[in-house]
Each structure stands twice: as C-alpha cells, then as structure tokens.
C-alpha cells in the first residue's frame, strides 16, 4: 500500500494576488508577508514560505462534503508555485509539526483519528490505511487546527 499527498490546485487562488486589500477582505482574505522562515505553511507547495515572501491568508473549505464533517479553516497560499506532489513521502510542511490525522470512509464520514508527532506521521498514515474502509485522510496542524493536506490511497 502506498499513499499520495498533493498540494492544492493553485488556479483558484491566482486571482486573489491581483486584488487590492478591500477586495481581498470581501473574500475573507488578507495579504500577508512571512516574518520568519517557518510558520507560514503554503498549502499549494506544501512548504513553509520564507521570510519576506507574500502570501494570501484565506478561509478555505477543505472538506466540502454534505455530512456533519464538512470542515473549513484559514490557510496560506503563495503565488506562482506549482502544486506539490509526494508519493510515500512526507512534504516539508509536515516536518516538526504534530498532526491530527482524520480518516474518512467513502461516504465522507469520520472513521477514526489519531495524533502523530514528529517522526510518527508516516507510520500513523500507514496504520490508518490498514483499515480497508479508510478512503482518505485529512491532515490538520494539531495546535492551530488548520488544514495541512489530503492524503489519498495510491493504488499504483
């Protein structure tokens, strides 16, 4: 069994970077500049932005489903970066962070969840996918609760 982690598609976010502050605010978004090399995790590249880089902080529905588990939170995105893709490997944005891993079935209902500290994430993902009823896993930063990435079964 393998798994795949892919960053969000950058296209829906691209128009935000051309908006002024008032238009961004109308979209529940803000332009921010990273003040450190860590703490501004881009959900497209799955890497932390570097100090001085511009990002958009916006409200994002990460689990757009018609169940009680519909979920949304704030995320950061950067302009001009491609969607990251990892197979059986963890993206840099997971490093050093405790993650809440939420395992969902094909009906988008939560089956189980687990916390995984640094060095435990790969094993926790594999353990959750050992249950054949787990269709996908949503990873969230445990401290802030924000969406980190979707983890899919990779049958290839």
C-alpha atoms as a PDB file:
ATOM      1  CA  UNK A   1       0.000   0.000   0.000  1.00  0.00           C
ATOM      2  CA  UNK A   2       1.238   3.444  -0.916  1.00  0.00           C
ATOM      3  CA  UNK A   3      -0.139   6.900  -0.347  1.00  0.00           C
ATOM      4  CA  UNK A   4      -0.060  10.210  -2.190  1.00  0.00           C
ATOM      5  CA  UNK A   5      -0.093  13.759  -0.843  1.00  0.00           C
ATOM      6  CA  UNK A   6      -0.807  16.602  -3.264  1.00  0.00           C
ATOM      7  CA  UNK A   7      -0.874  20.342  -2.684  1.00  0.00           C
ATOM      8  CA  UNK A   8      -3.965  22.351  -3.524  1.00  0.00           C
ATOM      9  CA  UNK A   9      -4.523  23.430  -7.123  1.00  0.00           C
ATOM     10  CA  UNK A  10      -3.074  26.964  -7.447  1.00  0.00           C
ATOM     11  CA  UNK A  11      -5.523  28.128 -10.151  1.00  0.00           C
ATOM     12  CA  UNK A  12      -8.485  29.045  -7.910  1.00  0.00           C
ATOM     13  CA  UNK A  13      -6.183  31.198  -5.765  1.00  0.00           C
ATOM     14  CA  UNK A  14      -4.344  33.024  -8.580  1.00  0.00           C
ATOM     15  CA  UNK A  15      -6.879  35.896  -8.955  1.00  0.00           C
ATOM     16  CA  UNK A  16      -6.536  36.759  -5.260  1.00  0.00           C
ATOM     17  CA  UNK A  17      -2.986  38.034  -5.756  1.00  0.00           C
ATOM     18  CA  UNK A  18      -4.191  40.763  -8.161  1.00  0.00           C
ATOM     19  CA  UNK A  19      -6.850  42.046  -5.733  1.00  0.00           C
ATOM     20  CA  UNK A  20      -6.410  45.109  -3.542  1.00  0.00           C
ATOM     21  CA  UNK A  21      -6.895  44.857   0.209  1.00  0.00           C
ATOM     22  CA  UNK A  22     -10.580  45.855   0.090  1.00  0.00           C
ATOM     23  CA  UNK A  23     -11.417  43.178  -2.493  1.00  0.00           C
ATOM     24  CA  UNK A  24      -9.456  40.585  -0.536  1.00  0.00           C
ATOM     25  CA  UNK A  25     -11.378  41.490   2.622  1.00  0.00           C
ATOM     26  CA  UNK A  26     -14.647  40.973   0.718  1.00  0.00           C
ATOM     27  CA  UNK A  27     -13.409  37.415   0.068  1.00  0.00           C
ATOM     28  CA  UNK A  28     -12.475  36.880   3.751  1.00  0.00           C
ATOM     29  CA  UNK A  29      -8.805  37.031   2.775  1.00  0.00           C
ATOM     30  CA  UNK A  30      -5.738  39.083   3.709  1.00  0.00           C
ATOM     31  CA  UNK A  31      -2.359  39.709   2.089  1.00  0.00           C
ATOM     32  CA  UNK A  32       0.460  38.888   4.497  1.00  0.00           C
ATOM     33  CA  UNK A  33       4.227  38.828   4.408  1.00  0.00           C
ATOM     34  CA  UNK A  34       6.047  35.965   6.084  1.00  0.00           C
ATOM     35  CA  UNK A  35       8.048  37.290   9.027  1.00  0.00           C
ATOM     36  CA  UNK A  36      10.061  34.087   9.506  1.00  0.00           C
ATOM     37  CA  UNK A  37      11.162  31.052   7.504  1.00  0.00           C
ATOM     38  CA  UNK A  38       8.702  28.889   9.452  1.00  0.00           C
ATOM     39  CA  UNK A  39       5.108  29.403  10.460  1.00  0.00           C
ATOM     40  CA  UNK A  40       3.624  30.331   7.082  1.00  0.00           C
ATOM     41  CA  UNK A  41       2.814  26.940   5.509  1.00  0.00           C
ATOM     42  CA  UNK A  42       1.720  27.191   1.858  1.00  0.00           C
ATOM     43  CA  UNK A  43      -1.000  24.648   1.065  1.00  0.00           C
ATOM     44  CA  UNK A  44      -0.085  24.623  -2.627  1.00  0.00           C
ATOM     45  CA  UNK A  45       3.667  23.963  -2.414  1.00  0.00           C
ATOM     46  CA  UNK A  46       3.430  22.168   0.969  1.00  0.00           C
ATOM     47  CA  UNK A  47       6.494  24.124   2.081  1.00  0.00           C
ATOM     48  CA  UNK A  48       6.807  26.982   4.542  1.00  0.00           C
ATOM     49  CA  UNK A  49       7.206  30.387   2.907  1.00  0.00           C
ATOM     50  CA  UNK A  50      10.488  32.176   3.542  1.00  0.00           C
ATOM     51  CA  UNK A  51      10.718  35.451   5.447  1.00  0.00           C
ATOM     52  CA  UNK A  52       9.717  38.297   3.130  1.00  0.00           C
ATOM     53  CA  UNK A  53       7.528  36.199   0.831  1.00  0.00           C
ATOM     54  CA  UNK A  54       3.987  37.343   0.151  1.00  0.00           C
ATOM     55  CA  UNK A  55       1.072  35.024   0.838  1.00  0.00           C
ATOM     56  CA  UNK A  56      -2.684  35.208   0.917  1.00  0.00           C
ATOM     57  CA  UNK A  57      -4.380  34.103   4.138  1.00  0.00           C
ATOM     58  CA  UNK A  58      -7.910  32.981   3.334  1.00  0.00           C
ATOM     59  CA  UNK A  59     -10.878  30.975   4.525  1.00  0.00           C
ATOM     60  CA  UNK A  60     -10.851  27.587   2.778  1.00  0.00           C
ATOM     61  CA  UNK A  61     -13.344  24.737   2.803  1.00  0.00           C
ATOM     62  CA  UNK A  62     -11.044  21.721   2.941  1.00  0.00           C
ATOM     63  CA  UNK A  63     -13.723  19.069   3.370  1.00  0.00           C
ATOM     64  CA  UNK A  64     -16.575  20.191   1.113  1.00  0.00           C
ATOM     65  CA  UNK A  65     -18.987  17.346   1.833  1.00  0.00           C
ATOM     66  CA  UNK A  66     -22.666  17.021   2.680  1.00  0.00           C
ATOM     67  CA  UNK A  67     -22.042  15.384   6.059  1.00  0.00           C
ATOM     68  CA  UNK A  68     -21.601  16.717   9.590  1.00  0.00           C
ATOM     69  CA  UNK A  69     -17.839  16.579   8.916  1.00  0.00           C
ATOM     70  CA  UNK A  70     -17.760  19.479   6.454  1.00  0.00           C
ATOM     71  CA  UNK A  71     -14.709  21.465   7.506  1.00  0.00           C
ATOM     72  CA  UNK A  72     -13.123  24.860   6.857  1.00  0.00           C
ATOM     73  CA  UNK A  73     -10.345  26.941   8.333  1.00  0.00           C
ATOM     74  CA  UNK A  74      -7.770  29.547   7.356  1.00  0.00           C
ATOM     75  CA  UNK A  75      -4.875  28.582   5.085  1.00  0.00           C
ATOM     76  CA  UNK A  76      -1.915  30.326   3.458  1.00  0.00           C
ATOM     77  CA  UNK A  77      -1.155  30.146  -0.266  1.00  0.00           C
ATOM     78  CA  UNK A  78       1.715  31.601  -2.315  1.00  0.00           C
ATOM     79  CA  UNK A  79       1.609  32.848  -5.891  1.00  0.00           C
ATOM     80  CA  UNK A  80       3.484  31.234  -8.754  1.00  0.00           C
ATOM     81  CA  UNK A  81       4.202  27.889  -7.139  1.00  0.00           C
ATOM     82  CA  UNK A  82       3.096  24.552  -8.592  1.00  0.00           C
ATOM     83  CA  UNK A  83       1.042  22.060  -6.618  1.00  0.00           C
ATOM     84  CA  UNK A  84       3.428  19.758  -4.798  1.00  0.00           C
ATOM     85  CA  UNK A  85       3.134  16.007  -5.170  1.00  0.00           C
ATOM     86  CA  UNK A  86       4.571  13.341  -2.877  1.00  0.00           C
ATOM     87  CA  UNK A  87       4.269   9.561  -3.095  1.00  0.00           C
ATOM     88  CA  UNK A  88       5.141   7.543   0.001  1.00  0.00           C
ATOM     89  CA  UNK A  89       6.972  10.588   1.298  1.00  0.00           C
ATOM     90  CA  UNK A  90       6.049  13.440   3.596  1.00  0.00           C
ATOM     91  CA  UNK A  91       6.113  17.060   2.449  1.00  0.00           C
ATOM     92  CA  UNK A  92       8.421  19.539   4.191  1.00  0.00           C
ATOM     93  CA  UNK A  93       5.429  21.322   5.755  1.00  0.00           C
ATOM     94  CA  UNK A  94       4.787  18.236   7.938  1.00  0.00           C
ATOM     95  CA  UNK A  95       8.313  18.284   9.433  1.00  0.00           C
ATOM     96  CA  UNK A  96       8.480  19.113  13.115  1.00  0.00           C
ATOM     97  CA  UNK A  97       4.723  19.512  13.489  1.00  0.00           C
ATOM     98  CA  UNK A  98       2.218  17.431  15.408  1.00  0.00           C
ATOM     99  CA  UNK A  99      -0.620  16.497  13.070  1.00  0.00           C
ATOM    100  CA  UNK A 100      -4.184  15.429  13.653  1.00  0.00           C
ATOM    101  CA  UNK A 101      -4.918  12.724  11.080  1.00  0.00           C
ATOM    102  CA  UNK A 102      -8.627  12.246  10.372  1.00  0.00           C
ATOM    103  CA  UNK A 103      -9.530   9.044   8.486  1.00  0.00           C
ATOM    104  CA  UNK A 104     -12.721   9.131   6.409  1.00  0.00           C
ATOM    105  CA  UNK A 105     -14.665   6.410   4.630  1.00  0.00           C
ATOM    106  CA  UNK A 106     -16.064   6.554   1.080  1.00  0.00           C
ATOM    107  CA  UNK A 107     -19.214   8.209   2.428  1.00  0.00           C
ATOM    108  CA  UNK A 108     -17.134  11.097   3.835  1.00  0.00           C
ATOM    109  CA  UNK A 109     -17.845  10.041   7.414  1.00  0.00           C
ATOM    110  CA  UNK A 110     -15.120  10.071  10.038  1.00  0.00           C
ATOM    111  CA  UNK A 111     -13.965   6.553  10.927  1.00  0.00           C
ATOM    112  CA  UNK A 112     -11.188   7.362  13.359  1.00  0.00           C
ATOM    113  CA  UNK A 113      -8.472   9.885  14.077  1.00  0.00           C
ATOM    114  CA  UNK A 114      -5.077   9.989  15.657  1.00  0.00           C
ATOM    115  CA  UNK A 115      -2.422  12.466  16.682  1.00  0.00           C
ATOM    116  CA  UNK A 116       1.028  11.960  15.193  1.00  0.00           C
ATOM    117  CA  UNK A 117       4.078  13.790  16.478  1.00  0.00           C
ATOM    118  CA  UNK A 118       7.274  14.466  14.556  1.00  0.00           C
ATOM    119  CA  UNK A 119       8.687  11.175  13.302  1.00  0.00           C
ATOM    120  CA  UNK A 120       5.340   9.380  13.717  1.00  0.00           C
ATOM    121  CA  UNK A 121       3.343  10.645  10.739  1.00  0.00           C
ATOM    122  CA  UNK A 122       4.317   8.054   8.108  1.00  0.00           C
ATOM    123  CA  UNK A 123       3.578   5.152  10.457  1.00  0.00           C
ATOM    124  CA  UNK A 124       0.268   6.685  11.519  1.00  0.00           C
ATOM    125  CA  UNK A 125      -0.812   7.163   7.891  1.00  0.00           C
ATOM    126  CA  UNK A 126       0.014   3.551   7.086  1.00  0.00           C
ATOM    127  CA  UNK A 127      -1.809   2.323  10.198  1.00  0.00           C
ATOM    128  CA  UNK A 128      -4.939   4.289   9.281  1.00  0.00           C
ATOM    129  CA  UNK A 129      -4.872   2.949   5.720  1.00  0.00           C
ATOM    130  CA  UNK A 130      -4.524  -0.617   7.083  1.00  0.00           C
ATOM    131  CA  UNK A 131      -8.285  -0.333   7.602  1.00  0.00           C
ATOM    132  CA  UNK A 132      -9.681  -1.011   4.119  1.00  0.00           C
ATOM    133  CA  UNK A 133     -12.676   1.205   4.896  1.00  0.00           C
ATOM    134  CA  UNK A 134     -10.423   4.286   5.137  1.00  0.00           C
ATOM    135  CA  UNK A 135     -10.794   6.065   1.800  1.00  0.00           C
ATOM    136  CA  UNK A 136      -8.676   9.150   2.566  1.00  0.00           C
ATOM    137  CA  UNK A 137      -7.092  11.067   5.417  1.00  0.00           C
ATOM    138  CA  UNK A 138      -7.185  14.794   6.079  1.00  0.00           C
ATOM    139  CA  UNK A 139      -4.167  16.116   7.958  1.00  0.00           C
ATOM    140  CA  UNK A 140      -4.541  19.190  10.159  1.00  0.00           C
ATOM    141  CA  UNK A 141      -1.999  21.005  12.288  1.00  0.00           C
ATOM    142  CA  UNK A 142      -2.855  19.884  15.796  1.00  0.00           C
ATOM    143  CA  UNK A 143      -2.094  23.196  17.510  1.00  0.00           C
ATOM    144  CA  UNK A 144      -3.977  25.592  15.221  1.00  0.00           C
ATOM    145  CA  UNK A 145      -6.388  23.114  13.637  1.00  0.00           C
ATOM    146  CA  UNK A 146      -5.804  24.371  10.110  1.00  0.00           C
ATOM    147  CA  UNK A 147      -5.929  22.021   7.137  1.00  0.00           C
ATOM    148  CA  UNK A 148      -2.490  20.753   6.111  1.00  0.00           C
ATOM    149  CA  UNK A 149      -3.157  18.339   3.214  1.00  0.00           C
ATOM    150  CA  UNK A 150      -5.293  15.492   1.883  1.00  0.00           C
ATOM    151  CA  UNK A 151      -3.684  12.050   1.887  1.00  0.00           C
ATOM    152  CA  UNK A 152      -5.052   9.562  -0.639  1.00  0.00           C
ATOM    153  CA  UNK A 153      -4.529   5.857  -1.159  1.00  0.00           C
ATOM    154  CA  UNK A 154      -2.223   5.368  -4.132  1.00  0.00           C
ATOM    155  CA  UNK A 155      -3.065   2.109  -5.845  1.00  0.00           C
ATOM    156  CA  UNK A 156      -0.317   2.425  -8.491  1.00  0.00           C
END
